[in-house]
C-alpha atoms as a PDB file:
ATOM      1  CA  MET A   1     -70.300 191.317 -53.094  1.00  0.00           C
ATOM      2  CA  GLU A   2     -67.311 192.790 -54.447  1.00  0.00           C
ATOM      3  CA  GLY A   3     -64.765 191.924 -56.889  1.00  0.00           C
ATOM      4  CA  ARG A   4     -65.067 189.006 -59.226  1.00  0.00           C
ATOM      5  CA  LEU A   5     -66.937 185.723 -58.884  1.00  0.00           C
ATOM      6  CA  SER A   6     -65.209 182.566 -57.998  1.00  0.00           C
ATOM      7  CA  SER A   7     -64.184 180.335 -61.007  1.00  0.00           C
ATOM      8  CA  ASP A   8     -65.136 177.061 -58.599  1.00  0.00           C
ATOM      9  CA  ILE A   9     -68.912 178.534 -58.559  1.00  0.00           C
ATOM     10  CA  LEU A  10     -69.230 177.804 -62.155  1.00  0.00           C
ATOM     11  CA  ARG A  11     -66.835 175.180 -62.949  1.00  0.00           C
ATOM     12  CA  GLY A  12     -68.619 172.044 -65.202  1.00  0.00           C
ATOM     13  CA  HIS A  13     -70.555 175.243 -67.018  1.00  0.00           C
ATOM     14  CA  THR A  14     -67.642 176.151 -69.234  1.00  0.00           C
ATOM     15  CA  ASP A  15     -69.266 174.179 -72.319  1.00  0.00           C
ATOM     16  CA  THR A  16     -72.965 175.244 -71.325  1.00  0.00           C
ATOM     17  CA  ILE A  17     -71.185 179.108 -71.722  1.00  0.00           C
ATOM     18  CA  VAL A  18     -69.407 178.385 -74.965  1.00  0.00           C
ATOM     19  CA  LEU A  19     -72.259 176.713 -76.747  1.00  0.00           C
ATOM     20  CA  ALA A  20     -74.762 179.463 -75.531  1.00  0.00           C
ATOM     21  CA  SER A  21     -71.913 182.667 -77.125  1.00  0.00           C
ATOM     22  CA  LEU A  22     -72.551 180.031 -80.661  1.00  0.00           C
ATOM     23  CA  GLN A  23     -76.464 179.787 -80.668  1.00  0.00           C
ATOM     24  CA  LYS A  24     -77.143 182.889 -82.917  1.00  0.00           C
ATOM     25  CA  ARG A  25     -74.040 183.417 -84.566  1.00  0.00           C
ATOM     26  CA  ASP A  26     -70.040 181.869 -85.136  1.00  0.00           C
ATOM     27  CA  ARG A  27     -67.317 183.882 -83.331  1.00  0.00           C
ATOM     28  CA  TYR A  28     -63.797 183.170 -83.063  1.00  0.00           C
ATOM     29  CA  GLY A  29     -62.110 182.189 -79.526  1.00  0.00           C
ATOM     30  CA  PHE A  30     -61.258 185.747 -78.130  1.00  0.00           C
ATOM     31  CA  GLU A  31     -64.521 186.985 -79.168  1.00  0.00           C
ATOM     32  CA  ILE A  32     -65.936 184.405 -76.588  1.00  0.00           C
ATOM     33  CA  TYR A  33     -63.747 185.208 -73.896  1.00  0.00           C
ATOM     34  CA  ASN A  34     -64.951 189.497 -74.520  1.00  0.00           C
ATOM     35  CA  ARG A  35     -68.108 188.100 -74.558  1.00  0.00           C
ATOM     36  CA  VAL A  36     -68.386 186.856 -71.066  1.00  0.00           C
ATOM     37  CA  LEU A  37     -66.457 189.102 -69.896  1.00  0.00           C
ATOM     38  CA  GLN A  38     -68.422 191.882 -71.234  1.00  0.00           C
ATOM     39  CA  LYS A  39     -71.989 189.839 -70.650  1.00  0.00           C
ATOM     40  CA  THR A  40     -71.036 189.723 -66.632  1.00  0.00           C
ATOM     41  CA  ASN A  41     -69.838 193.466 -66.266  1.00  0.00           C
ATOM     42  CA  ASN A  42     -66.282 191.926 -65.530  1.00  0.00           C
ATOM     43  CA  LEU A  43     -67.267 189.849 -62.431  1.00  0.00           C
ATOM     44  CA  TYR A  44     -66.539 187.004 -64.437  1.00  0.00           C
ATOM     45  CA  GLU A  45     -63.599 185.912 -66.718  1.00  0.00           C
ATOM     46  CA  LEU A  46     -62.934 182.553 -68.018  1.00  0.00           C
ATOM     47  CA  LYS A  47     -59.456 182.058 -68.143  1.00  0.00           C
ATOM     48  CA  GLU A  48     -58.553 181.311 -72.038  1.00  0.00           C
ATOM     49  CA  THR A  49     -56.678 178.323 -71.445  1.00  0.00           C
ATOM     50  CA  THR A  50     -60.178 176.730 -69.729  1.00  0.00           C
ATOM     51  CA  LEU A  51     -61.646 178.112 -72.847  1.00  0.00           C
ATOM     52  CA  TYR A  52     -59.428 176.843 -75.327  1.00  0.00           C
ATOM     53  CA  SER A  53     -59.382 173.165 -73.830  1.00  0.00           C
ATOM     54  CA  SER A  54     -63.177 173.609 -73.874  1.00  0.00           C
ATOM     55  CA  TYR A  55     -62.980 174.038 -77.394  1.00  0.00           C
ATOM     56  CA  LYS A  56     -60.777 171.497 -78.283  1.00  0.00           C
ATOM     57  CA  ARG A  57     -63.207 169.295 -76.563  1.00  0.00           C
ATOM     58  CA  LEU A  58     -66.098 170.731 -78.008  1.00  0.00           C
ATOM     59  CA  GLU A  59     -65.161 169.897 -81.697  1.00  0.00           C
ATOM     60  CA  LYS A  60     -63.641 166.745 -80.508  1.00  0.00           C
ATOM     61  CA  ASP A  61     -66.795 165.234 -79.776  1.00  0.00           C
ATOM     62  CA  GLY A  62     -68.662 166.570 -82.810  1.00  0.00           C
ATOM     63  CA  PHE A  63     -70.579 169.660 -80.536  1.00  0.00           C
ATOM     64  CA  ILE A  64     -68.737 172.680 -82.444  1.00  0.00           C
ATOM     65  CA  GLU A  65     -67.092 173.091 -85.248  1.00  0.00           C
ATOM     66  CA  SER A  66     -64.289 175.195 -86.688  1.00  0.00           C
ATOM     67  CA  TYR A  67     -63.035 177.219 -89.289  1.00  0.00           C
ATOM     68  CA  TRP A  68     -60.335 179.516 -90.404  1.00  0.00           C
ATOM     69  CA  GLY A  69     -61.768 183.198 -91.192  1.00  0.00           C
ATOM     70  CA  ASP A  70     -60.597 185.591 -94.443  1.00  0.00           C
ATOM     71  CA  GLU A  71     -59.747 188.495 -92.516  1.00  0.00           C
ATOM     72  CA  THR A  72     -58.128 191.527 -94.808  1.00  0.00           C
ATOM     73  CA  GLN A  73     -56.236 192.844 -92.068  1.00  0.00           C
ATOM     74  CA  GLY A  74     -54.682 191.423 -88.917  1.00  0.00           C
ATOM     75  CA  GLY A  75     -54.157 187.771 -88.403  1.00  0.00           C
ATOM     76  CA  ARG A  76     -56.199 184.732 -89.112  1.00  0.00           C
ATOM     77  CA  ARG A  77     -58.453 184.319 -86.705  1.00  0.00           C
ATOM     78  CA  LYS A  78     -60.354 180.138 -86.013  1.00  0.00           C
ATOM     79  CA  TYR A  79     -63.640 180.587 -85.851  1.00  0.00           C
ATOM     80  CA  TYR A  80     -66.041 177.938 -84.009  1.00  0.00           C
ATOM     81  CA  ARG A  81     -69.599 177.587 -85.377  1.00  0.00           C
ATOM     82  CA  ILE A  82     -72.506 174.884 -83.110  1.00  0.00           C
ATOM     83  CA  THR A  83     -73.463 171.875 -84.588  1.00  0.00           C
ATOM     84  CA  ASP A  84     -76.898 170.316 -84.858  1.00  0.00           C
ATOM     85  CA  VAL A  85     -76.089 167.533 -82.398  1.00  0.00           C
ATOM     86  CA  GLY A  86     -74.264 170.876 -80.200  1.00  0.00           C
ATOM     87  CA  ARG A  87     -77.554 172.464 -79.889  1.00  0.00           C
ATOM     88  CA  LEU A  88     -79.691 168.992 -78.399  1.00  0.00           C
ATOM     89  CA  LEU A  89     -76.527 168.867 -75.939  1.00  0.00           C
ATOM     90  CA  TYR A  90     -76.768 172.852 -75.131  1.00  0.00           C
ATOM     91  CA  GLN A  91     -80.943 172.250 -75.178  1.00  0.00           C
ATOM     92  CA  GLN A  92     -80.144 169.420 -72.471  1.00  0.00           C
ATOM     93  CA  LYS A  93     -77.844 171.360 -70.449  1.00  0.00           C
ATOM     94  CA  LEU A  94     -79.986 174.170 -69.739  1.00  0.00           C
ATOM     95  CA  LYS A  95     -82.566 171.402 -68.656  1.00  0.00           C
ATOM     96  CA  ASP A  96     -79.787 170.081 -66.151  1.00  0.00           C
ATOM     97  CA  TYR A  97     -79.409 173.977 -65.047  1.00  0.00           C
ATOM     98  CA  GLU A  98     -83.191 174.611 -64.359  1.00  0.00           C
ATOM     99  CA  PHE A  99     -83.320 171.279 -62.300  1.00  0.00           C
ATOM    100  CA  THR A 100     -79.802 172.109 -60.239  1.00  0.00           C
ATOM    101  CA  LYS A 101     -81.847 175.555 -59.847  1.00  0.00           C
ATOM    102  CA  GLN A 102     -84.611 173.650 -58.391  1.00  0.00           C
ATOM    103  CA  ILE A 103     -82.976 171.373 -56.156  1.00  0.00           C
ATOM    104  CA  LEU A 104     -80.363 174.746 -54.725  1.00  0.00           C
ATOM    105  CA  GLU A 105     -83.281 176.846 -54.350  1.00  0.00           C
ATOM    106  CA  LYS A 106     -85.305 174.204 -52.236  1.00  0.00           C
ATOM    107  CA  LEU A 107     -81.691 173.337 -50.121  1.00  0.00           C
ATOM    108  CA  PHE A 108     -80.830 177.388 -49.535  1.00  0.00           C
ATOM    109  CA  MET A 109     -84.600 178.161 -48.358  1.00  0.00           C
ATOM    110  CA  GLU A 110     -85.406 178.844 -44.112  1.00  0.00           C
ATOM    111  CA  GLU A 111     -88.048 176.365 -43.287  1.00  0.00           C
END
């Protein structure tokens, strides 16, 4: 398959992608955008508007927190960190993904 992955295929997984990006350290918004491009070798792009909607929703629901960085050069960056309840949600999302993957594999396999 050539080109980029259709956004329809991963629709509904944006929040999980954001939570995964925050597992090891805090990141600023555009850094997460670039991380998705890098990890997928530019085969999948999450639109910035989609990402920022996810940040807002996750923060409102208490799964992430934000704070302003203290950069000495350039503009200030808004950083995001995952909360304890966000880590629990991420673990549940991973379980849901594994279950979904098992179901799809059964449905896609020839008998």
